């Protein structure tokens, strides 16, 4: 089952349009079969330390974070049919539409929180 979550940086909600894929099936399916991501929509994969975009129809931005939410690595505009490196310290990945890393001004070292969204 997917869980609605909000993504927060410095006490500011970046989006409430995020879903946490925490079951093996939800993580395996990911964004496969989707035509795109809407602006500010996000998929949060946990646990996760590597992703691929095989069979996807659109590029994404990917944000890799450790257990505390610290941003470890950024993949802006990751095109379909690509594979990221394995980031051994990463515990969570946020997949967002291309350009979101720049729009949200995300940098390595930032702290992001993915919290259950009680408003949904």
C-alpha atoms as a PDB file:
ATOM      1  CA  UNK A   1       0.000   0.000   0.000  1.00  0.00           C
ATOM      2  CA  UNK A   2       1.172   3.522  -0.754  1.00  0.00           C
ATOM      3  CA  UNK A   3       1.256   6.150   1.996  1.00  0.00           C
ATOM      4  CA  UNK A   4       0.608   9.873   1.418  1.00  0.00           C
ATOM      5  CA  UNK A   5       3.491  11.976   2.752  1.00  0.00           C
ATOM      6  CA  UNK A   6       4.622  15.564   2.659  1.00  0.00           C
ATOM      7  CA  UNK A   7       8.197  16.623   1.978  1.00  0.00           C
ATOM      8  CA  UNK A   8       9.621  19.352   4.211  1.00  0.00           C
ATOM      9  CA  UNK A   9      12.828  21.425   4.058  1.00  0.00           C
ATOM     10  CA  UNK A  10      13.670  23.982   6.769  1.00  0.00           C
ATOM     11  CA  UNK A  11      10.125  23.804   8.205  1.00  0.00           C
ATOM     12  CA  UNK A  12       8.668  24.645   4.766  1.00  0.00           C
ATOM     13  CA  UNK A  13       6.413  22.128   3.021  1.00  0.00           C
ATOM     14  CA  UNK A  14       7.787  21.551  -0.485  1.00  0.00           C
ATOM     15  CA  UNK A  15       4.934  19.289  -1.532  1.00  0.00           C
ATOM     16  CA  UNK A  16       1.982  17.420  -0.105  1.00  0.00           C
ATOM     17  CA  UNK A  17       1.642  15.450  -3.340  1.00  0.00           C
ATOM     18  CA  UNK A  18       4.063  12.684  -2.381  1.00  0.00           C
ATOM     19  CA  UNK A  19       3.472   8.970  -2.005  1.00  0.00           C
ATOM     20  CA  UNK A  20       5.745   6.637  -0.024  1.00  0.00           C
ATOM     21  CA  UNK A  21       6.288   3.264  -1.709  1.00  0.00           C
ATOM     22  CA  UNK A  22       7.389   1.159   1.233  1.00  0.00           C
ATOM     23  CA  UNK A  23       6.296  -2.346   0.246  1.00  0.00           C
ATOM     24  CA  UNK A  24       8.463  -4.478  -2.038  1.00  0.00           C
ATOM     25  CA  UNK A  25       5.770  -4.469  -4.755  1.00  0.00           C
ATOM     26  CA  UNK A  26       5.246  -0.691  -4.607  1.00  0.00           C
ATOM     27  CA  UNK A  27       9.015  -0.085  -4.814  1.00  0.00           C
ATOM     28  CA  UNK A  28       9.369  -2.570  -7.678  1.00  0.00           C
ATOM     29  CA  UNK A  29       6.559  -0.930  -9.650  1.00  0.00           C
ATOM     30  CA  UNK A  30       7.722   2.599  -8.877  1.00  0.00           C
ATOM     31  CA  UNK A  31       6.741   4.909 -11.727  1.00  0.00           C
ATOM     32  CA  UNK A  32       6.505   2.171 -14.370  1.00  0.00           C
ATOM     33  CA  UNK A  33       3.454   2.517 -16.579  1.00  0.00           C
ATOM     34  CA  UNK A  34       2.881   6.159 -15.712  1.00  0.00           C
ATOM     35  CA  UNK A  35       2.878   8.717 -18.534  1.00  0.00           C
ATOM     36  CA  UNK A  36       4.516  11.413 -16.352  1.00  0.00           C
ATOM     37  CA  UNK A  37       4.713  13.042 -12.937  1.00  0.00           C
ATOM     38  CA  UNK A  38       2.634  16.154 -12.298  1.00  0.00           C
ATOM     39  CA  UNK A  39       4.385  19.286 -10.988  1.00  0.00           C
ATOM     40  CA  UNK A  40       5.331  18.856  -7.306  1.00  0.00           C
ATOM     41  CA  UNK A  41       4.287  15.191  -7.373  1.00  0.00           C
ATOM     42  CA  UNK A  42       6.808  12.809  -5.791  1.00  0.00           C
ATOM     43  CA  UNK A  43       7.436   9.142  -5.173  1.00  0.00           C
ATOM     44  CA  UNK A  44       9.420   8.296  -2.025  1.00  0.00           C
ATOM     45  CA  UNK A  45      11.169   4.908  -2.062  1.00  0.00           C
ATOM     46  CA  UNK A  46      12.271   3.423   1.255  1.00  0.00           C
ATOM     47  CA  UNK A  47      14.453   1.445   1.751  1.00  0.00           C
ATOM     48  CA  UNK A  48      16.396   2.307  -1.390  1.00  0.00           C
ATOM     49  CA  UNK A  49      20.017   3.031  -2.345  1.00  0.00           C
ATOM     50  CA  UNK A  50      19.907   2.698  -6.153  1.00  0.00           C
ATOM     51  CA  UNK A  51      17.299   3.226  -8.864  1.00  0.00           C
ATOM     52  CA  UNK A  52      16.845   2.666 -12.578  1.00  0.00           C
ATOM     53  CA  UNK A  53      14.664   4.268 -15.215  1.00  0.00           C
ATOM     54  CA  UNK A  54      14.373   1.242 -17.509  1.00  0.00           C
ATOM     55  CA  UNK A  55      11.018   1.135 -19.322  1.00  0.00           C
ATOM     56  CA  UNK A  56      10.055   4.599 -18.079  1.00  0.00           C
ATOM     57  CA  UNK A  57       8.611   7.105 -20.539  1.00  0.00           C
ATOM     58  CA  UNK A  58       9.974  10.314 -19.037  1.00  0.00           C
ATOM     59  CA  UNK A  59      13.015  11.737 -17.213  1.00  0.00           C
ATOM     60  CA  UNK A  60      13.038  12.384 -13.464  1.00  0.00           C
ATOM     61  CA  UNK A  61      15.094  14.128 -10.809  1.00  0.00           C
ATOM     62  CA  UNK A  62      16.264  11.774  -8.039  1.00  0.00           C
ATOM     63  CA  UNK A  63      17.275  12.782  -4.512  1.00  0.00           C
ATOM     64  CA  UNK A  64      19.198  10.212  -2.422  1.00  0.00           C
ATOM     65  CA  UNK A  65      19.087  10.630   1.374  1.00  0.00           C
ATOM     66  CA  UNK A  66      20.479   8.855   4.421  1.00  0.00           C
ATOM     67  CA  UNK A  67      18.422   7.689   7.431  1.00  0.00           C
ATOM     68  CA  UNK A  68      18.440  11.190   8.951  1.00  0.00           C
ATOM     69  CA  UNK A  69      17.147  12.828   5.736  1.00  0.00           C
ATOM     70  CA  UNK A  70      20.511  14.311   4.757  1.00  0.00           C
ATOM     71  CA  UNK A  71      20.807  14.665   0.975  1.00  0.00           C
ATOM     72  CA  UNK A  72      23.735  12.550  -0.195  1.00  0.00           C
ATOM     73  CA  UNK A  73      23.492  12.660  -3.978  1.00  0.00           C
ATOM     74  CA  UNK A  74      21.417  14.340  -6.690  1.00  0.00           C
ATOM     75  CA  UNK A  75      20.538  13.086 -10.162  1.00  0.00           C
ATOM     76  CA  UNK A  76      18.913  15.943 -12.079  1.00  0.00           C
ATOM     77  CA  UNK A  77      17.129  15.062 -15.333  1.00  0.00           C
ATOM     78  CA  UNK A  78      17.809  11.312 -15.194  1.00  0.00           C
ATOM     79  CA  UNK A  79      16.652  10.092 -18.589  1.00  0.00           C
ATOM     80  CA  UNK A  80      14.770   6.834 -19.302  1.00  0.00           C
ATOM     81  CA  UNK A  81      16.772   3.598 -19.551  1.00  0.00           C
ATOM     82  CA  UNK A  82      19.486   4.707 -17.130  1.00  0.00           C
ATOM     83  CA  UNK A  83      20.878   3.271 -13.901  1.00  0.00           C
ATOM     84  CA  UNK A  84      22.206   5.266 -10.953  1.00  0.00           C
ATOM     85  CA  UNK A  85      25.172   4.250  -8.893  1.00  0.00           C
ATOM     86  CA  UNK A  86      24.684   2.404  -5.637  1.00  0.00           C
ATOM     87  CA  UNK A  87      24.876   4.821  -2.709  1.00  0.00           C
ATOM     88  CA  UNK A  88      25.561   2.564   0.260  1.00  0.00           C
ATOM     89  CA  UNK A  89      24.676   5.189   2.886  1.00  0.00           C
ATOM     90  CA  UNK A  90      21.352   6.046   1.209  1.00  0.00           C
ATOM     91  CA  UNK A  91      18.174   4.759   2.826  1.00  0.00           C
ATOM     92  CA  UNK A  92      15.575   6.727   0.854  1.00  0.00           C
ATOM     93  CA  UNK A  93      15.142   8.169  -2.639  1.00  0.00           C
ATOM     94  CA  UNK A  94      12.694  10.842  -3.748  1.00  0.00           C
ATOM     95  CA  UNK A  95      11.726  10.767  -7.437  1.00  0.00           C
ATOM     96  CA  UNK A  96      10.283  14.046  -8.751  1.00  0.00           C
ATOM     97  CA  UNK A  97       9.661  15.704 -12.134  1.00  0.00           C
ATOM     98  CA  UNK A  98      12.736  17.065 -13.925  1.00  0.00           C
ATOM     99  CA  UNK A  99      13.639  20.571 -12.783  1.00  0.00           C
ATOM    100  CA  UNK A 100      12.335  20.019  -9.242  1.00  0.00           C
ATOM    101  CA  UNK A 101      15.805  19.817  -7.671  1.00  0.00           C
ATOM    102  CA  UNK A 102      16.517  23.290  -9.048  1.00  0.00           C
ATOM    103  CA  UNK A 103      13.030  24.608  -8.241  1.00  0.00           C
ATOM    104  CA  UNK A 104      13.241  23.404  -4.621  1.00  0.00           C
ATOM    105  CA  UNK A 105      16.881  24.578  -4.397  1.00  0.00           C
ATOM    106  CA  UNK A 106      18.026  21.179  -3.094  1.00  0.00           C
ATOM    107  CA  UNK A 107      21.739  20.749  -2.449  1.00  0.00           C
ATOM    108  CA  UNK A 108      23.879  17.920  -1.113  1.00  0.00           C
ATOM    109  CA  UNK A 109      23.918  18.295   2.672  1.00  0.00           C
ATOM    110  CA  UNK A 110      20.352  19.647   2.956  1.00  0.00           C
ATOM    111  CA  UNK A 111      18.016  17.873   5.385  1.00  0.00           C
ATOM    112  CA  UNK A 112      14.622  16.784   4.042  1.00  0.00           C
ATOM    113  CA  UNK A 113      11.815  15.228   6.043  1.00  0.00           C
ATOM    114  CA  UNK A 114       9.205  12.902   4.599  1.00  0.00           C
ATOM    115  CA  UNK A 115       6.313  12.884   7.065  1.00  0.00           C
ATOM    116  CA  UNK A 116       2.938  11.216   6.942  1.00  0.00           C
ATOM    117  CA  UNK A 117       0.397  13.696   5.662  1.00  0.00           C
ATOM    118  CA  UNK A 118      -2.472  13.829   8.156  1.00  0.00           C
ATOM    119  CA  UNK A 119      -4.331  16.333   5.949  1.00  0.00           C
ATOM    120  CA  UNK A 120      -5.045  13.740   3.232  1.00  0.00           C
END
